[in-house]
Protein backbone atom coordinates (compact mmCIF):
# COMPACT_ATOMS: atom_id res chain seq x y z
CA MET A 1 9.16 6.78 -6.23
CA GLY A 2 7.19 9.32 -8.20
CA GLY A 3 9.20 10.57 -11.04
CA ALA A 4 7.87 12.05 -14.59
CA GLY A 5 4.34 10.72 -15.74
CA LYS A 6 3.19 9.57 -12.19
CA VAL A 7 0.83 11.22 -9.76
CA VAL A 8 1.72 10.45 -6.28
CA LYS A 9 -1.64 9.93 -3.98
CA HIS A 10 -2.33 8.47 -0.68
CA VAL A 11 -4.78 5.61 0.24
CA GLU A 12 -8.08 7.37 1.70
CA SER A 13 -9.64 3.92 2.96
CA VAL A 14 -9.43 0.01 3.15
CA ALA A 15 -12.02 0.06 0.73
CA GLU A 16 -9.90 2.16 -1.80
CA LEU A 17 -6.81 -0.02 -0.89
CA LYS A 18 -9.11 -3.17 -1.94
CA ARG A 19 -9.99 -1.84 -5.33
CA LEU A 20 -6.28 -0.67 -5.92
CA CYS A 21 -5.05 -4.01 -5.18
CA GLU A 22 -7.36 -6.02 -7.64
CA LYS A 23 -4.09 -6.35 -9.17
CA ALA A 24 -0.50 -6.38 -7.57
CA THR A 25 0.19 -2.83 -6.89
CA THR A 26 3.18 -1.11 -5.48
CA PHE A 27 2.75 1.07 -2.15
CA TYR A 28 5.11 3.37 -0.22
CA LEU A 29 4.30 3.63 3.55
CA ALA A 30 5.91 6.74 4.71
CA LEU A 31 8.01 6.31 8.12
CA ASN A 32 10.11 8.83 10.29
CA TYR A 33 12.99 10.92 8.85
CA GLY A 34 11.73 10.83 5.31
CA LEU A 35 12.08 6.85 4.81
CA TYR A 36 9.78 4.60 3.17
CA SER A 37 8.75 0.85 3.21
CA ARG A 38 7.87 -0.22 -0.18
CA LYS A 39 5.12 -2.96 -0.28
CA THR A 40 3.50 -4.75 -3.12
CA ILE A 41 -0.21 -5.58 -2.44
CA ARG A 42 -2.63 -7.55 -4.06
CA TRP A 43 -6.43 -8.24 -2.78
CA ASP A 44 -7.64 -11.80 -3.63
CA GLY A 45 -11.37 -11.12 -2.24
CA LYS A 46 -10.53 -12.65 1.19
CA VAL A 47 -7.16 -11.63 2.24
CA PHE A 48 -4.41 -9.18 1.49
CA HIS A 49 -1.13 -10.84 0.17
CA ILE A 50 1.41 -8.37 0.99
CA HIS A 51 5.23 -8.49 -0.19
CA ASN A 52 7.61 -6.39 1.98
CA HIS A 53 10.50 -5.36 -0.24
CA VAL A 54 12.76 -4.37 2.63
CA ASP A 55 13.37 -8.10 4.08
CA GLU A 56 11.44 -9.92 1.19
CA SER A 57 8.82 -11.36 3.62
CA ARG A 58 5.54 -12.14 2.59
CA GLN A 59 2.34 -12.06 4.64
CA LYS A 60 -1.30 -13.07 4.00
CA LEU A 61 -3.68 -10.52 6.26
CA THR A 62 -7.36 -9.92 6.32
CA GLU A 63 -8.78 -6.53 6.41
CA ALA A 64 -8.85 -6.50 10.46
CA GLN A 65 -5.09 -7.93 10.60
CA LEU A 66 -3.95 -4.77 8.84
CA PHE A 67 -4.55 -2.91 11.85
CA THR A 68 -3.41 -5.35 13.98
CA GLU A 69 -0.40 -7.42 12.47
CA SER A 70 1.03 -4.49 10.36
CA ASN A 71 1.55 -0.99 10.26
CA ILE A 72 -0.58 -0.47 7.18
CA GLY A 73 -3.80 -0.05 8.77
CA ARG A 74 -2.14 2.78 10.73
CA GLY A 75 -0.59 4.12 7.45
CA ILE A 76 -4.12 4.62 6.03
CA GLU A 77 -5.34 6.37 8.86
CA ARG A 78 -2.33 8.68 9.03
CA LYS A 79 -2.59 9.24 5.33
CA ALA A 80 0.88 7.65 5.09
CA LEU A 81 0.42 4.82 2.51
CA ILE A 82 0.82 6.26 -0.88
CA TYR A 83 1.27 5.22 -4.53
CA ALA A 84 2.01 6.60 -7.82
CA ASP A 85 -0.81 6.36 -10.06
CA GLU A 86 0.14 6.38 -13.99
CA ARG A 87 -3.47 6.06 -14.93
CA GLU A 88 -4.23 9.58 -13.92
CA LEU A 89 -2.19 10.88 -16.79
CA LEU A 90 -3.91 8.60 -19.48
């Protein structure tokens, strides 16, 4: 994650997540002990399509389910859902 040419940012809100996910975007959810869970997320206007890379599982979740069926909602609240934004450097 990160590396040359990328600016690492955290997701501030579900509204920002929706905007970022208009096309599939890779995110990292910070876990304990410096570990991360990598997720590719896309928003289709109704549900989030989530690919969990750790176990190759896939989910379709509404905005409300981000907080009840996954740890993404909590990650946003705790500023632990991050992404590398290459567009910032253009």
